[in-house]
Protein backbone atom coordinates (compact mmCIF):
# COMPACT_ATOMS: atom_id res chain seq x y z
CA MET A 1 -22.07 -57.23 1.17
CA SER A 2 -21.66 -56.42 -3.00
CA ALA A 3 -20.24 -53.91 -4.52
CA GLY A 4 -23.34 -53.63 -6.90
CA THR A 5 -25.47 -52.85 -3.83
CA ASN A 6 -24.13 -49.35 -4.22
CA LYS A 7 -25.07 -47.75 -7.23
CA ILE A 8 -24.75 -44.33 -9.15
CA ALA A 9 -26.64 -43.81 -11.83
CA VAL A 10 -24.73 -42.24 -14.60
CA THR A 11 -24.38 -40.66 -18.46
CA VAL A 12 -21.79 -41.06 -20.88
CA THR A 13 -20.49 -37.67 -21.82
CA ASP A 14 -17.62 -38.58 -23.86
CA VAL A 15 -16.41 -41.94 -25.93
CA VAL A 16 -12.74 -41.62 -27.51
CA GLN A 17 -11.14 -44.36 -29.90
CA LEU A 18 -7.93 -43.99 -28.50
CA ASN A 19 -6.39 -46.80 -31.07
CA GLU A 20 -7.73 -49.53 -32.89
CA LEU A 21 -8.37 -51.91 -29.85
CA VAL A 22 -9.14 -49.46 -26.79
CA LYS A 23 -11.60 -46.50 -26.11
CA ARG A 24 -11.74 -44.34 -22.95
CA PHE A 25 -15.55 -43.83 -21.37
CA ARG A 26 -16.76 -40.67 -19.24
CA PHE A 27 -19.06 -41.00 -16.96
CA GLU A 28 -21.07 -38.14 -14.93
CA ARG A 29 -23.23 -38.60 -12.48
CA SER A 30 -26.86 -38.01 -13.80
CA ASP A 31 -28.31 -36.03 -11.25
CA GLY A 32 -25.45 -33.28 -11.54
CA GLY A 33 -24.21 -34.29 -8.05
CA PRO A 34 -20.75 -34.85 -7.54
CA LEU A 35 -19.34 -38.46 -7.74
CA PRO A 36 -17.25 -40.04 -4.84
CA THR A 37 -13.39 -39.60 -4.56
CA PHE A 38 -11.49 -42.53 -4.36
CA SER A 39 -7.67 -43.96 -4.18
CA GLY A 40 -5.82 -44.56 -7.24
CA GLY A 41 -6.00 -48.65 -8.07
CA ALA A 42 -9.76 -48.15 -7.67
CA HIS A 43 -11.97 -50.03 -9.71
CA THR A 44 -15.85 -49.73 -10.48
CA VAL A 45 -18.25 -52.31 -12.15
CA VAL A 46 -19.55 -51.24 -15.10
CA GLU A 47 -23.41 -52.67 -15.45
CA MET A 48 -24.79 -53.87 -19.22
CA GLN A 49 -28.05 -54.48 -20.41
CA ASP A 50 -26.78 -57.00 -23.28
CA GLY A 51 -30.24 -58.44 -24.94
CA ASP A 52 -31.31 -60.96 -22.14
CA VAL A 53 -28.01 -60.53 -20.51
CA HIS A 54 -27.06 -58.67 -17.40
CA ARG A 55 -23.37 -57.95 -17.52
CA LEU A 56 -21.44 -56.64 -14.56
CA ASN A 57 -17.67 -55.92 -15.89
CA PRO A 58 -15.25 -54.22 -13.68
CA TYR A 59 -12.80 -51.64 -15.07
CA SER A 60 -9.89 -49.54 -12.92
CA LEU A 61 -10.25 -45.73 -12.73
CA MET A 62 -7.80 -43.62 -14.62
CA SER A 63 -9.13 -40.49 -13.53
CA ASN A 64 -8.00 -38.31 -11.02
CA PRO A 65 -9.17 -39.46 -7.58
CA MET A 66 -10.01 -36.19 -6.10
CA ASP A 67 -12.04 -34.82 -9.22
CA GLN A 68 -15.46 -35.59 -7.85
CA SER A 69 -17.17 -34.30 -11.60
CA ALA A 70 -16.48 -37.52 -13.81
CA TYR A 71 -15.00 -40.82 -13.99
CA THR A 72 -12.93 -42.43 -16.59
CA ILE A 73 -12.45 -45.98 -17.73
CA SER A 74 -10.72 -47.43 -20.80
CA VAL A 75 -12.14 -50.84 -22.26
CA ARG A 76 -10.29 -52.91 -24.29
CA ARG A 77 -11.61 -54.71 -27.06
CA ASP A 78 -11.95 -58.38 -27.22
CA ASP A 79 -13.43 -60.27 -29.85
CA GLN A 80 -13.20 -63.62 -28.64
CA GLY A 81 -14.49 -62.64 -25.28
CA ARG A 82 -18.05 -63.03 -23.64
CA GLY A 83 -19.06 -59.59 -25.48
CA GLY A 84 -18.74 -57.23 -22.65
CA SER A 85 -15.62 -55.37 -24.23
CA LEU A 86 -17.87 -55.36 -27.57
CA PHE A 87 -20.85 -54.38 -25.93
CA MET A 88 -18.51 -51.41 -24.48
CA HIS A 89 -17.02 -50.63 -27.83
CA GLU A 90 -20.12 -51.39 -30.38
CA ARG A 91 -23.29 -49.92 -28.10
CA VAL A 92 -22.10 -47.19 -25.91
CA LYS A 93 -22.38 -43.46 -26.98
CA PRO A 94 -22.40 -39.80 -25.40
CA GLY A 95 -26.23 -39.88 -23.97
CA ASP A 96 -26.55 -43.20 -23.04
CA ALA A 97 -27.56 -43.67 -18.98
CA MET A 98 -25.79 -46.32 -17.58
CA THR A 99 -25.13 -47.45 -13.67
CA ILE A 100 -21.73 -48.15 -12.12
CA SER A 101 -20.90 -49.21 -8.43
CA TYR A 102 -19.43 -47.09 -5.85
CA PRO A 103 -15.34 -47.59 -6.17
CA VAL A 104 -13.55 -50.54 -4.77
CA ASN A 105 -10.35 -50.64 -3.97
CA LEU A 106 -7.99 -53.46 -4.30
CA PHE A 107 -4.73 -52.57 -5.38
CA SER A 108 -4.22 -49.36 -3.67
CA LEU A 109 -0.90 -47.98 -3.13
CA ASP A 110 1.10 -48.85 0.24
CA LEU A 111 1.57 -45.03 1.74
CA ARG A 112 4.30 -46.69 3.88
CA ALA A 113 6.65 -47.04 1.13
CA ARG A 114 9.31 -44.34 -0.04
CA LYS A 115 9.47 -45.37 -3.33
CA HIS A 116 6.70 -46.92 -5.98
CA LEU A 117 7.96 -49.37 -8.35
CA MET A 118 4.76 -49.61 -11.47
CA ILE A 119 5.07 -52.60 -13.43
CA ALA A 120 2.28 -52.37 -16.27
CA GLY A 121 1.52 -54.32 -19.11
CA GLY A 122 -1.13 -53.45 -22.40
CA ILE A 123 -4.24 -52.39 -20.81
CA GLY A 124 -2.72 -52.42 -17.17
CA ILE A 125 -2.26 -49.19 -17.61
CA THR A 126 -4.84 -47.94 -16.34
CA PRO A 127 -5.04 -48.07 -12.80
CA PHE A 128 -1.37 -46.31 -12.81
CA LEU A 129 -2.81 -43.73 -14.34
CA ALA A 130 -4.85 -42.51 -11.00
CA GLN A 131 -2.23 -43.75 -9.53
CA ILE A 132 0.07 -41.26 -10.35
CA LYS A 133 -2.41 -38.39 -10.08
CA GLN A 134 -2.27 -39.26 -6.78
CA LEU A 135 1.36 -39.36 -6.11
CA ASP A 136 1.83 -36.04 -7.67
CA VAL A 137 -0.13 -34.46 -5.29
CA MET A 138 1.69 -36.32 -2.31
CA ASN A 139 4.86 -35.41 -4.09
CA GLY A 140 5.13 -39.08 -3.74
CA ARG A 141 8.44 -41.12 -5.62
CA PHE A 142 7.52 -43.29 -8.39
CA GLU A 143 8.81 -45.09 -11.57
CA LEU A 144 7.28 -46.65 -13.92
CA HIS A 145 7.94 -49.36 -16.80
CA TYR A 146 5.33 -49.99 -19.18
CA ALA A 147 5.43 -52.63 -21.84
CA CYS A 148 3.03 -52.33 -25.05
CA ARG A 149 2.65 -54.24 -28.40
CA SER A 150 3.96 -51.36 -30.51
CA GLU A 151 3.72 -47.68 -30.77
CA ALA A 152 0.28 -47.55 -32.39
CA LEU A 153 -0.81 -49.62 -29.33
CA GLY A 154 0.63 -47.90 -26.64
CA SER A 155 -2.45 -46.17 -24.86
CA TYR A 156 -1.55 -42.92 -22.74
CA VAL A 157 2.59 -43.18 -23.53
CA ASP A 158 2.65 -39.46 -25.16
CA GLU A 159 0.80 -37.86 -21.82
CA LEU A 160 2.75 -40.21 -19.35
CA THR A 161 6.28 -39.29 -20.92
CA ALA A 162 5.60 -35.58 -21.42
CA THR A 163 4.26 -35.33 -18.15
CA HIS A 164 6.84 -37.55 -16.35
CA PRO A 165 9.75 -37.92 -18.66
CA ASN A 166 12.23 -38.69 -16.34
CA ASN A 167 9.54 -41.46 -14.34
CA VAL A 168 8.69 -43.09 -17.10
CA HIS A 169 10.16 -45.61 -19.26
CA ILE A 170 8.24 -47.51 -22.09
CA TYR A 171 9.07 -50.95 -23.93
CA TYR A 172 7.03 -52.05 -27.28
CA ASP A 173 7.19 -55.53 -27.84
CA ASP A 174 7.31 -55.50 -32.15
CA GLN A 175 10.86 -53.50 -31.20
CA GLN A 176 12.24 -56.23 -28.95
CA GLN A 177 12.49 -54.11 -26.07
CA ALA A 178 12.11 -55.90 -22.74
CA ILE A 179 11.99 -54.57 -19.13
CA ASP A 180 15.67 -56.11 -17.67
CA LEU A 181 13.36 -57.02 -14.45
CA GLU A 182 16.62 -58.80 -12.59
CA ASN A 183 18.60 -55.86 -12.55
CA LEU A 184 15.55 -52.82 -11.87
CA LEU A 185 14.63 -55.05 -8.94
CA ASP A 186 17.99 -55.75 -7.42
CA GLY A 187 19.14 -51.97 -7.48
CA GLN A 188 15.98 -50.39 -6.09
CA PRO A 189 16.04 -48.74 -2.50
CA LEU A 190 15.44 -50.07 0.90
CA GLY A 191 11.49 -49.06 1.31
CA THR A 192 10.77 -49.61 -2.52
CA HIS A 193 7.17 -51.36 -2.81
CA ILE A 194 6.45 -52.97 -6.45
CA TYR A 195 3.12 -52.81 -8.00
CA VAL A 196 1.86 -54.86 -11.33
CA CYS A 197 -1.18 -54.91 -13.63
CA GLY A 198 -0.82 -56.70 -16.68
CA PRO A 199 -1.34 -59.96 -18.68
CA LYS A 200 -0.88 -63.44 -16.16
CA GLY A 201 2.41 -63.93 -17.78
CA MET A 202 3.59 -60.61 -16.92
CA ILE A 203 2.42 -60.77 -12.77
CA ASN A 204 3.50 -64.58 -12.78
CA TRP A 205 7.05 -63.22 -13.98
CA VAL A 206 7.44 -60.08 -11.61
CA ARG A 207 6.08 -61.90 -8.38
CA GLY A 208 8.12 -65.14 -9.34
CA LYS A 209 11.16 -62.76 -9.87
CA ALA A 210 10.62 -60.86 -6.94
CA ALA A 211 10.37 -63.82 -4.46
CA GLU A 212 13.76 -65.05 -6.29
CA LEU A 213 15.55 -61.81 -4.91
CA GLY A 214 14.12 -61.94 -1.66
CA TRP A 215 11.40 -59.48 -1.77
CA PRO A 216 8.86 -59.41 0.98
CA ARG A 217 5.58 -61.03 -0.07
CA GLU A 218 3.67 -57.53 1.49
CA ALA A 219 5.70 -55.42 -0.68
CA VAL A 220 4.87 -56.84 -4.10
CA HIS A 221 1.32 -56.00 -4.80
CA TYR A 222 -0.78 -56.92 -8.07
CA GLU A 223 -3.53 -57.18 -9.81
CA GLU A 224 -5.79 -59.05 -13.27
CA PHE A 225 -9.06 -59.12 -12.89
CA LEU A 226 -10.19 -62.36 -14.87
CA ALA A 227 -13.01 -62.28 -17.39
CA PRO A 228 -15.16 -65.11 -17.05
CA GLN A 229 -14.69 -67.70 -19.69
CA SER A 230 -17.50 -69.82 -21.69
CA GLY A 231 -17.95 -73.74 -21.36
CA LYS A 232 -20.02 -75.92 -21.31
CA PRO A 233 -23.99 -75.36 -19.60
CA PHE A 234 -24.21 -76.80 -16.56
CA GLU A 235 -26.68 -77.14 -13.64
CA VAL A 236 -26.47 -76.37 -10.31
CA LYS A 237 -28.57 -76.62 -6.76
CA LEU A 238 -28.75 -73.79 -4.17
CA ALA A 239 -28.99 -75.28 -1.04
CA VAL A 240 -30.34 -72.65 1.27
CA SER A 241 -32.73 -71.01 -1.41
CA ASN A 242 -34.29 -74.39 -2.30
CA LYS A 243 -33.32 -73.37 -6.24
CA VAL A 244 -31.99 -75.31 -9.46
CA VAL A 245 -30.72 -72.87 -11.89
CA GLN A 246 -28.94 -73.80 -15.06
CA VAL A 247 -25.77 -71.74 -16.22
CA GLY A 248 -25.40 -71.29 -19.82
CA GLU A 249 -22.32 -71.66 -22.10
CA HIS A 250 -21.94 -67.73 -22.38
CA GLN A 251 -22.68 -66.96 -18.90
CA SER A 252 -20.93 -67.00 -15.28
CA LEU A 253 -21.89 -69.10 -12.17
CA LEU A 254 -22.64 -65.72 -10.66
CA GLU A 255 -24.19 -64.53 -13.38
CA ALA A 256 -26.63 -67.19 -13.31
CA ILE A 257 -26.86 -67.08 -9.58
CA GLU A 258 -27.74 -63.54 -9.44
CA ALA A 259 -30.80 -64.08 -13.01
CA ALA A 260 -32.12 -66.89 -10.62
CA GLY A 261 -32.80 -63.81 -7.64
CA VAL A 262 -30.39 -65.27 -5.23
CA ASP A 263 -27.95 -62.46 -3.98
CA ALA A 264 -24.27 -63.22 -3.60
CA PRO A 265 -21.51 -60.87 -2.66
CA TYR A 266 -19.19 -59.44 -4.84
CA LEU A 267 -16.01 -56.97 -5.29
CA CYS A 268 -14.18 -57.54 -8.14
CA ARG A 269 -16.30 -60.06 -10.14
CA GLY A 270 -12.64 -60.94 -11.88
CA GLY A 271 -11.47 -64.26 -9.29
CA ALA A 272 -9.31 -61.49 -7.28
CA CYS A 273 -10.85 -60.26 -3.85
CA GLY A 274 -12.29 -63.30 -2.45
CA GLN A 275 -15.76 -61.76 -1.66
CA CYS A 276 -17.64 -64.74 -3.55
CA GLU A 277 -16.23 -67.77 -2.35
CA THR A 278 -18.77 -70.13 -1.77
CA ASP A 279 -18.95 -73.53 0.01
CA VAL A 280 -19.88 -76.61 -2.05
CA ILE A 281 -22.05 -79.04 -0.22
CA GLY A 282 -22.15 -82.19 -2.80
CA TYR A 283 -20.68 -82.77 -6.07
CA ASP A 284 -20.37 -85.44 -8.93
CA GLY A 285 -17.70 -84.27 -11.90
CA LYS A 286 -14.82 -81.65 -11.84
CA PHE A 287 -14.27 -78.10 -11.42
CA LEU A 288 -12.88 -75.83 -13.33
CA HIS A 289 -10.88 -73.43 -11.04
CA ARG A 290 -9.97 -69.88 -12.71
CA ASP A 291 -9.55 -67.83 -9.61
CA HIS A 292 -6.45 -66.11 -8.11
CA TRP A 293 -7.90 -66.45 -4.34
CA LEU A 294 -8.02 -70.26 -3.52
CA GLU A 295 -5.21 -72.21 -2.69
CA ASP A 296 -3.92 -75.55 -4.35
CA ASP A 297 -5.23 -77.61 -1.13
CA GLN A 298 -8.88 -75.72 -1.39
CA ARG A 299 -9.16 -76.64 -5.07
CA ALA A 300 -8.11 -80.22 -4.79
CA SER A 301 -10.90 -80.31 -1.62
CA GLY A 302 -13.83 -79.97 -3.56
CA LYS A 303 -15.46 -77.73 -1.09
CA LYS A 304 -14.86 -73.85 -2.62
CA ILE A 305 -15.41 -72.42 -5.49
CA MET A 306 -15.40 -69.04 -7.06
CA PRO A 307 -18.48 -68.46 -8.65
CA CYS A 308 -17.48 -64.99 -10.69
CA VAL A 309 -14.96 -66.61 -12.73
CA SER A 310 -14.97 -70.51 -11.92
CA ARG A 311 -17.08 -73.31 -13.40
CA PHE A 312 -18.25 -76.93 -13.05
CA GLU A 313 -18.40 -79.80 -15.06
CA GLY A 314 -20.46 -82.70 -14.39
CA LYS A 315 -23.94 -84.03 -13.28
CA THR A 316 -24.59 -82.77 -9.61
CA LEU A 317 -23.03 -79.81 -7.67
CA VAL A 318 -25.02 -78.54 -4.50
CA LEU A 319 -23.71 -75.09 -3.56
CA ASP A 320 -24.36 -73.05 0.20
CA ARG A 321 -26.48 -70.27 -1.45
């Protein structure tokens, strides 16, 4: 089932410019009722009608998980992206009616852990804000290491250091400050779990170093929502629906399938959850796999594709949809 099948009508009640790249948005339920509770690390999918294009972008929830009066998200502006973040930054204002999905959590805290070691980069700080609020209620033990490009772009640094001065460590790239990852991981007590959210390079660095030092895979958690990239238009045949669909240059394969009136499952729309995995019946061309989900042998087989972020170049693509 798609996250998008469970929708909530909301009103934008506040928009705050945090710095030159990041804005914070506050949503309240349009009917005045309470929003569903969620757990730290959850995200919501925000729907945007951008001209003729219907966008659905996932954003981490950063508000208090137990506060049912409102949700808040932060959006980093990406001038090189396909337009979702620009829509949020330039078009969305207080009073606007929008639609969001029920919360989905692919990055939850493992409550069996004795300590939670959090490593964030840039806008990757947002899920940790909700997780820390959750741990505060539970008296959970945590340590946060947060890398930012500069003091000016350090979203929520003041809030975090004021509230948790002994648990939060900040690093600024322009001051040549860096996380001493090997010593950090090597000095953790038994029962610690690692959580990392940020750029792909940071996630790979933390996961690789943890594996090198012998950390169990189940103790290392990560999240990165990949934004679908633009590319050459291509055509796909949906065998079950008996439709031929054109995928535009700035449109994902999943968006094109949905625009054709065919329901396709999803949870994250960012290549991480596996929900939209689709069987390939036939093809003549090459795949541009960009997901976190498929194994290398699955990509090489030509039998699977993740339509939320991956593309195709060639003459023929037939999918089991």
